[in-house]
């Protein structure tokens, strides 16, 4: 007699894979939500800069700019060209970066909005060609992504976001702007003969959906604020897969994004501890810590960028530069005749070895985090 247990159906491996993916993702999301809720002021700003950088680079990589991470620092400082377009590039890198920064400049979470606004005024992103149409198209993609995420989100449906995530991927797969395109072919003339060569399909702007996805997690009570989730939406999750594995792919992508963001928070906590140790003698409104948080979280800064980003006079930039280099937190570098500051974590004479450890968490915070994990376990058990 056939068993009615779903694990004995025709596709038990796919069901098992999806169940394991959901359990792991729920744990990663719960951990991320706990870490975000415990961020202090300095940690929030360091994390916001790092998240903004990661979101821009992830968007560019998803759009087909494979060299985005390698070129990013020099491009931001106006020292080099931006990521290079190829046959699959749909829009310019400049348009995508500006769309991400512009959208997050209006984010309801103040640390992220402030970081994006600071980057917006100080960036030296350039484009190799006029891209006014690309800028408009990228902005339209962000607006369309927000509308689809709102359509997929049903706040009272479940305390876990997986049904909404699967529904979102189904909507994206059916949307003309976001549905994966088919691989094409182009004809090349070689030795007098026309030969068909496979050409990869241009990627669709799924990076725009990453910017809006956090609202689904907020509706589920997992994440506050509704942060962008770089890399959480992938084209392979929108294509029908053998045995229905595309659902598991979507959940695993969300888990990977949550794990990466938790790593950014841990790095921010370590950097904030170091900054407090080095700058304990400065008042809270001093410019040096503010500049260093951008250096450590986002990218090196030229002296002219510092004057615009933080309202520092030209003479003041040298004072900030001297303070940062003396503390071992930055170094001056000269590239193409331009002086920039780059974050470092060199030990000072008074501090020969710094233990890069975050401060111990308060007992109450640990108890709250454990309670949140217990609640997730209870919800997973109920859903099973």
Protein backbone atom coordinates (compact mmCIF):
# COMPACT_ATOMS: atom_id res chain seq x y z
CA UNK A 1 0.00 0.00 0.00
CA UNK A 2 1.44 3.35 -0.98
CA UNK A 3 2.45 5.65 1.84
CA UNK A 4 0.70 9.01 2.20
CA UNK A 5 3.86 10.58 3.66
CA UNK A 6 5.00 13.37 1.28
CA UNK A 7 8.60 12.21 1.64
CA UNK A 8 7.58 9.08 -0.28
CA UNK A 9 6.03 10.92 -3.23
CA UNK A 10 7.60 10.91 -6.67
CA UNK A 11 9.88 13.86 -5.81
CA UNK A 12 11.16 13.31 -2.27
CA UNK A 13 14.63 14.78 -2.95
CA UNK A 14 13.13 18.10 -4.09
CA UNK A 15 10.77 18.28 -1.09
CA UNK A 16 13.56 17.43 1.29
CA UNK A 17 15.85 20.02 -0.30
CA UNK A 18 13.17 22.71 -0.01
CA UNK A 19 12.45 21.87 3.64
CA UNK A 20 16.12 22.00 4.59
CA UNK A 21 16.58 25.25 2.65
CA UNK A 22 13.65 26.87 4.47
CA UNK A 23 14.93 25.78 7.90
CA UNK A 24 18.43 27.11 7.20
CA UNK A 25 17.07 30.34 5.74
CA UNK A 26 14.78 30.93 8.72
CA UNK A 27 17.74 30.56 11.06
CA UNK A 28 19.87 32.95 8.98
CA UNK A 29 17.08 35.53 8.82
CA UNK A 30 16.42 35.30 12.54
CA UNK A 31 20.09 35.83 13.28
CA UNK A 32 20.23 38.80 10.90
CA UNK A 33 17.16 40.37 12.47
CA UNK A 34 18.68 40.01 15.94
CA UNK A 35 21.98 41.55 14.86
CA UNK A 36 20.27 44.51 13.17
CA UNK A 37 18.14 45.19 16.25
CA UNK A 38 21.27 45.42 18.44
CA UNK A 39 23.23 47.84 16.26
CA UNK A 40 24.59 50.91 18.02
CA UNK A 41 25.07 54.30 16.37
CA UNK A 42 28.61 53.76 15.07
CA UNK A 43 27.88 50.17 14.06
CA UNK A 44 24.77 51.30 12.15
CA UNK A 45 26.74 53.82 10.10
CA UNK A 46 29.61 51.47 9.35
CA UNK A 47 27.16 48.74 8.36
CA UNK A 48 25.16 51.17 6.20
CA UNK A 49 28.21 52.18 4.20
CA UNK A 50 29.24 48.55 3.75
CA UNK A 51 25.70 47.51 2.76
CA UNK A 52 25.49 50.35 0.24
CA UNK A 53 28.79 49.34 -1.35
CA UNK A 54 27.76 45.67 -1.46
CA UNK A 55 24.38 46.52 -2.98
CA UNK A 56 25.92 48.63 -5.76
CA UNK A 57 28.55 46.04 -6.65
CA UNK A 58 26.00 43.22 -6.51
CA UNK A 59 23.68 45.15 -8.82
CA UNK A 60 26.48 45.75 -11.30
CA UNK A 61 27.58 42.12 -11.20
CA UNK A 62 24.01 40.91 -11.73
CA UNK A 63 23.71 43.30 -14.68
CA UNK A 64 26.72 41.68 -16.34
CA UNK A 65 29.63 43.89 -15.20
CA UNK A 66 32.01 41.19 -14.03
CA UNK A 67 34.82 43.63 -13.18
CA UNK A 68 32.69 45.86 -10.93
CA UNK A 69 34.37 44.93 -7.64
CA UNK A 70 37.86 45.29 -9.13
CA UNK A 71 37.23 48.76 -10.60
CA UNK A 72 34.92 50.16 -7.96
CA UNK A 73 37.30 52.15 -5.72
CA UNK A 74 39.09 53.92 -8.57
CA UNK A 75 35.79 54.59 -10.34
CA UNK A 76 34.21 56.09 -7.23
CA UNK A 77 37.22 58.39 -6.81
CA UNK A 78 37.19 59.48 -10.46
CA UNK A 79 40.59 57.92 -11.07
CA UNK A 80 39.57 55.36 -13.70
CA UNK A 81 36.82 54.31 -16.05
CA UNK A 82 33.86 52.43 -14.74
CA UNK A 83 33.11 48.71 -15.18
CA UNK A 84 33.34 47.77 -18.82
CA UNK A 85 30.28 46.97 -20.88
CA UNK A 86 30.04 43.79 -22.91
CA UNK A 87 27.62 42.22 -25.36
CA UNK A 88 25.14 41.37 -22.58
CA UNK A 89 25.15 44.79 -20.89
CA UNK A 90 21.67 46.28 -21.09
CA UNK A 91 22.34 49.64 -19.42
CA UNK A 92 25.43 51.60 -18.39
CA UNK A 93 27.12 50.93 -15.06
CA UNK A 94 26.75 54.62 -14.23
CA UNK A 95 22.96 54.45 -14.61
CA UNK A 96 22.68 51.39 -12.37
CA UNK A 97 24.92 52.84 -9.64
CA UNK A 98 23.02 56.12 -9.66
CA UNK A 99 19.67 54.32 -9.52
CA UNK A 100 20.74 52.31 -6.46
CA UNK A 101 22.16 55.33 -4.65
CA UNK A 102 19.15 57.47 -5.54
CA UNK A 103 16.65 54.90 -4.28
CA UNK A 104 18.47 54.29 -1.00
CA UNK A 105 18.91 58.04 -0.43
CA UNK A 106 15.19 58.03 0.39
CA UNK A 107 15.28 54.94 2.59
CA UNK A 108 13.28 55.25 5.84
CA UNK A 109 16.22 53.99 7.93
CA UNK A 110 18.24 57.13 8.68
CA UNK A 111 21.78 55.60 8.76
CA UNK A 112 21.35 54.02 5.31
CA UNK A 113 19.71 57.13 3.84
CA UNK A 114 22.48 59.34 5.20
CA UNK A 115 25.18 57.04 3.84
CA UNK A 116 23.54 57.04 0.38
CA UNK A 117 23.14 60.83 0.40
CA UNK A 118 26.80 61.28 1.35
CA UNK A 119 27.90 58.96 -1.44
CA UNK A 120 25.57 60.67 -3.92
CA UNK A 121 27.22 64.08 -3.48
CA UNK A 122 30.81 62.84 -3.29
CA UNK A 123 30.90 60.11 -5.96
CA UNK A 124 32.94 60.66 -9.08
CA UNK A 125 31.17 57.97 -11.09
CA UNK A 126 31.51 58.69 -14.79
CA UNK A 127 30.02 57.12 -17.89
CA UNK A 128 31.82 56.44 -21.13
CA UNK A 129 28.77 57.51 -23.15
CA UNK A 130 25.60 59.60 -22.79
CA UNK A 131 23.20 57.51 -20.75
CA UNK A 132 20.14 59.68 -20.08
CA UNK A 133 17.85 56.96 -21.44
CA UNK A 134 19.60 54.36 -19.27
CA UNK A 135 19.09 56.49 -16.17
CA UNK A 136 15.37 56.77 -16.88
CA UNK A 137 15.06 53.04 -17.60
CA UNK A 138 16.89 52.09 -14.40
CA UNK A 139 14.61 54.34 -12.38
CA UNK A 140 11.57 52.73 -14.03
CA UNK A 141 12.92 49.28 -13.14
CA UNK A 142 13.16 50.26 -9.46
CA UNK A 143 9.57 51.57 -9.48
CA UNK A 144 8.32 48.43 -11.22
CA UNK A 145 10.18 46.20 -8.72
CA UNK A 146 8.58 48.00 -5.78
CA UNK A 147 5.12 47.51 -7.28
CA UNK A 148 5.67 43.77 -7.81
CA UNK A 149 7.01 43.25 -4.29
CA UNK A 150 3.94 45.00 -2.87
CA UNK A 151 1.73 42.75 -4.97
CA UNK A 152 3.50 39.61 -3.72
CA UNK A 153 3.43 40.64 -0.07
CA UNK A 154 0.50 39.53 2.09
CA UNK A 155 1.41 40.71 5.61
CA UNK A 156 -1.08 38.56 7.55
CA UNK A 157 -0.45 35.35 5.67
CA UNK A 158 2.48 33.77 7.51
CA UNK A 159 5.17 34.64 10.05
CA UNK A 160 7.74 33.28 7.58
CA UNK A 161 8.37 34.86 4.16
CA UNK A 162 8.67 31.76 1.97
CA UNK A 163 5.19 31.78 0.43
CA UNK A 164 5.57 35.46 -0.44
CA UNK A 165 9.05 34.80 -1.87
CA UNK A 166 7.78 32.00 -4.12
CA UNK A 167 4.84 34.14 -5.19
CA UNK A 168 7.23 37.03 -5.93
CA UNK A 169 9.40 34.83 -8.15
CA UNK A 170 6.32 33.66 -10.04
CA UNK A 171 5.29 37.27 -10.66
CA UNK A 172 8.79 38.18 -11.83
CA UNK A 173 8.90 35.18 -14.17
CA UNK A 174 5.69 36.39 -15.81
CA UNK A 175 6.73 40.05 -16.03
CA UNK A 176 8.03 41.43 -19.30
CA UNK A 177 10.75 43.48 -17.62
CA UNK A 178 12.15 40.84 -15.24
CA UNK A 179 11.50 37.45 -16.88
CA UNK A 180 14.73 35.73 -17.97
CA UNK A 181 15.43 36.10 -21.67
CA UNK A 182 16.28 33.21 -23.95
CA UNK A 183 19.79 32.70 -25.21
CA UNK A 184 20.19 34.01 -28.74
CA UNK A 185 22.55 33.55 -31.65
CA UNK A 186 24.44 35.91 -33.92
CA UNK A 187 25.87 35.35 -37.36
CA UNK A 188 29.60 35.86 -37.86
CA UNK A 189 31.31 35.91 -41.23
CA UNK A 190 34.41 33.71 -41.06
CA UNK A 191 36.42 32.85 -44.19
CA UNK A 192 33.53 33.85 -46.38
CA UNK A 193 31.03 31.69 -44.53
CA UNK A 194 28.26 32.72 -42.11
CA UNK A 195 28.51 30.84 -38.84
CA UNK A 196 25.92 30.99 -36.04
CA UNK A 197 27.48 31.64 -32.63
CA UNK A 198 25.58 31.37 -29.36
CA UNK A 199 25.21 34.70 -27.60
CA UNK A 200 24.25 34.88 -23.92
CA UNK A 201 20.95 36.55 -23.19
CA UNK A 202 21.18 39.97 -21.54
CA UNK A 203 20.33 39.86 -17.83
CA UNK A 204 17.11 41.47 -16.67
CA UNK A 205 17.28 44.07 -13.85
CA UNK A 206 16.68 41.73 -10.90
CA UNK A 207 19.00 43.95 -8.83
CA UNK A 208 16.07 46.40 -8.61
CA UNK A 209 14.00 43.73 -6.82
CA UNK A 210 16.82 43.24 -4.28
CA UNK A 211 16.31 46.87 -3.23
CA UNK A 212 12.64 46.33 -2.37
CA UNK A 213 12.67 42.76 -1.06
CA UNK A 214 13.21 43.79 2.57
CA UNK A 215 9.60 44.93 2.89
CA UNK A 216 8.46 41.29 2.70
CA UNK A 217 10.75 40.42 5.61
CA UNK A 218 9.45 43.41 7.56
CA UNK A 219 5.85 42.33 7.00
CA UNK A 220 6.78 38.89 8.38
CA UNK A 221 8.21 40.57 11.50
CA UNK A 222 11.71 39.28 10.81
CA UNK A 223 13.65 42.37 9.82
CA UNK A 224 13.27 45.99 10.86
CA UNK A 225 14.07 48.17 9.02
CA UNK A 226 13.27 46.90 5.50
CA UNK A 227 16.83 46.69 4.22
CA UNK A 228 17.93 45.81 0.68
CA UNK A 229 18.95 42.17 0.25
CA UNK A 230 21.75 42.15 -2.36
CA UNK A 231 21.91 38.98 -4.42
CA UNK A 232 18.68 37.53 -3.03
CA UNK A 233 16.83 37.33 -6.37
CA UNK A 234 18.45 35.16 -9.04
CA UNK A 235 17.45 34.38 -12.60
CA UNK A 236 17.80 30.61 -12.16
CA UNK A 237 15.06 30.71 -9.51
CA UNK A 238 12.64 32.14 -12.08
CA UNK A 239 13.07 29.31 -14.59
CA UNK A 240 11.16 26.04 -14.20
CA UNK A 241 13.54 23.42 -12.88
CA UNK A 242 13.40 19.65 -12.80
CA UNK A 243 11.45 18.45 -9.78
CA UNK A 244 10.48 21.99 -8.77
CA UNK A 245 13.96 22.83 -7.49
CA UNK A 246 13.57 26.50 -8.43
CA UNK A 247 11.75 27.11 -5.14
CA UNK A 248 14.71 25.75 -3.18
CA UNK A 249 17.07 27.87 -5.28
CA UNK A 250 15.08 31.00 -4.37
CA UNK A 251 15.18 30.20 -0.65
CA UNK A 252 18.92 29.40 -0.73
CA UNK A 253 19.64 32.69 -2.48
CA UNK A 254 17.79 34.57 0.27
CA UNK A 255 19.73 32.66 2.92
CA UNK A 256 23.05 33.48 1.26
CA UNK A 257 22.15 37.16 1.20
CA UNK A 258 21.19 37.11 4.90
CA UNK A 259 24.43 35.34 5.86
CA UNK A 260 26.51 37.86 3.90
CA UNK A 261 24.72 40.79 5.57
CA UNK A 262 25.30 39.27 9.00
CA UNK A 263 28.99 39.16 8.12
CA UNK A 264 28.90 42.87 7.28
CA UNK A 265 27.43 43.56 10.71
CA UNK A 266 30.14 41.57 12.46
CA UNK A 267 32.78 43.52 10.54
CA UNK A 268 31.05 46.78 11.48
CA UNK A 269 31.08 45.86 15.17
CA UNK A 270 34.79 45.06 15.03
CA UNK A 271 35.57 48.31 13.22
CA UNK A 272 33.44 50.33 15.66
CA UNK A 273 35.29 48.83 18.63
CA UNK A 274 38.61 49.79 17.09
CA UNK A 275 37.40 53.31 16.28
CA UNK A 276 36.21 53.88 19.85
CA UNK A 277 39.55 52.73 21.21
CA UNK A 278 41.52 55.04 18.92
CA UNK A 279 39.23 58.09 19.11
CA UNK A 280 38.10 57.98 22.72
CA UNK A 281 39.69 61.39 23.30
CA UNK A 282 37.66 63.13 20.55
CA UNK A 283 34.23 64.70 20.94
CA UNK A 284 31.32 62.91 19.28
CA UNK A 285 30.94 65.61 16.60
CA UNK A 286 34.58 65.39 15.45
CA UNK A 287 35.03 64.95 11.71
CA UNK A 288 37.77 62.31 11.83
CA UNK A 289 35.51 59.44 13.04
CA UNK A 290 32.84 60.40 10.51
CA UNK A 291 35.34 60.36 7.66
CA UNK A 292 36.86 57.07 8.79
CA UNK A 293 33.49 55.31 8.91
CA UNK A 294 33.04 56.08 5.22
CA UNK A 295 36.61 55.03 4.44
CA UNK A 296 36.23 51.75 6.33
CA UNK A 297 32.72 50.93 5.14
CA UNK A 298 32.59 52.22 1.57
CA UNK A 299 35.73 53.26 -0.29
CA UNK A 300 38.86 55.46 -0.20
CA UNK A 301 38.23 59.20 -0.40
CA UNK A 302 40.06 61.95 -2.21
CA UNK A 303 40.59 65.20 -0.30
CA UNK A 304 38.20 67.02 -2.62
CA UNK A 305 35.55 64.37 -1.95
CA UNK A 306 35.98 64.90 1.79
CA UNK A 307 35.27 68.61 1.49
CA UNK A 308 31.99 67.92 -0.32
CA UNK A 309 30.85 64.92 1.72
CA UNK A 310 31.50 66.37 5.19
CA UNK A 311 31.65 70.12 4.70
CA UNK A 312 35.34 70.32 5.63
CA UNK A 313 37.56 73.14 4.41
CA UNK A 314 40.63 72.32 2.37
CA UNK A 315 42.83 73.03 5.37
CA UNK A 316 40.53 70.93 7.52
CA UNK A 317 41.01 67.91 5.26
CA UNK A 318 44.72 67.91 6.11
CA UNK A 319 43.95 68.09 9.83
CA UNK A 320 41.57 65.10 9.51
CA UNK A 321 44.10 63.25 7.38
CA UNK A 322 46.83 63.84 9.98
CA UNK A 323 44.58 62.62 12.80
CA UNK A 324 43.64 59.45 10.94
CA UNK A 325 47.16 58.57 9.85
CA UNK A 326 48.56 59.29 13.33
CA UNK A 327 46.00 56.90 14.84
CA UNK A 328 46.93 54.15 12.39
CA UNK A 329 43.42 54.10 10.94
CA UNK A 330 44.26 55.47 7.50
CA UNK A 331 47.09 55.96 5.07
CA UNK A 332 47.69 58.48 2.32
CA UNK A 333 48.03 57.07 -1.17
CA UNK A 334 48.83 58.94 -4.38
CA UNK A 335 47.44 57.67 -7.65
CA UNK A 336 47.50 59.56 -10.94
CA UNK A 337 48.66 62.67 -9.08
CA UNK A 338 45.73 62.65 -6.68
CA UNK A 339 46.02 62.13 -2.90
CA UNK A 340 43.46 59.85 -1.29
CA UNK A 341 42.89 58.40 2.15
CA UNK A 342 42.49 54.64 2.55
CA UNK A 343 41.31 52.93 5.73
CA UNK A 344 43.76 50.70 7.57
CA UNK A 345 43.87 49.01 10.94
CA UNK A 346 47.57 49.38 11.70
CA UNK A 347 48.53 49.14 15.40
CA UNK A 348 49.82 52.31 17.06
CA UNK A 349 52.87 52.59 19.31
CA UNK A 350 50.62 52.69 22.37
CA UNK A 351 48.63 49.73 21.11
CA UNK A 352 51.02 47.16 19.61
CA UNK A 353 48.38 44.50 19.14
CA UNK A 354 44.68 45.01 18.76
CA UNK A 355 42.40 42.09 19.40
CA UNK A 356 39.77 42.39 16.69
CA UNK A 357 36.90 41.19 18.83
CA UNK A 358 33.50 42.75 19.27
CA UNK A 359 32.43 43.63 22.81
CA UNK A 360 30.45 41.05 24.72
CA UNK A 361 26.72 41.26 24.19
CA UNK A 362 24.56 42.27 27.17
CA UNK A 363 22.85 39.38 28.89
CA UNK A 364 19.41 40.85 28.10
CA UNK A 365 20.22 41.04 24.39
CA UNK A 366 21.38 37.41 24.41
CA UNK A 367 18.21 36.34 26.16
CA UNK A 368 16.06 38.21 23.62
CA UNK A 369 17.96 36.62 20.74
CA UNK A 370 17.54 33.13 22.22
CA UNK A 371 13.83 33.77 22.66
CA UNK A 372 13.55 34.83 19.02
CA UNK A 373 15.30 31.64 17.89
CA UNK A 374 12.97 29.54 20.05
CA UNK A 375 9.97 31.24 18.46
CA UNK A 376 11.32 30.45 14.98
CA UNK A 377 11.76 26.80 15.96
CA UNK A 378 8.16 26.73 17.20
CA UNK A 379 6.85 28.22 13.96
CA UNK A 380 8.84 25.77 11.85
CA UNK A 381 7.54 22.85 13.88
CA UNK A 382 3.96 24.09 13.42
CA UNK A 383 4.41 24.49 9.66
CA UNK A 384 5.77 20.94 9.39
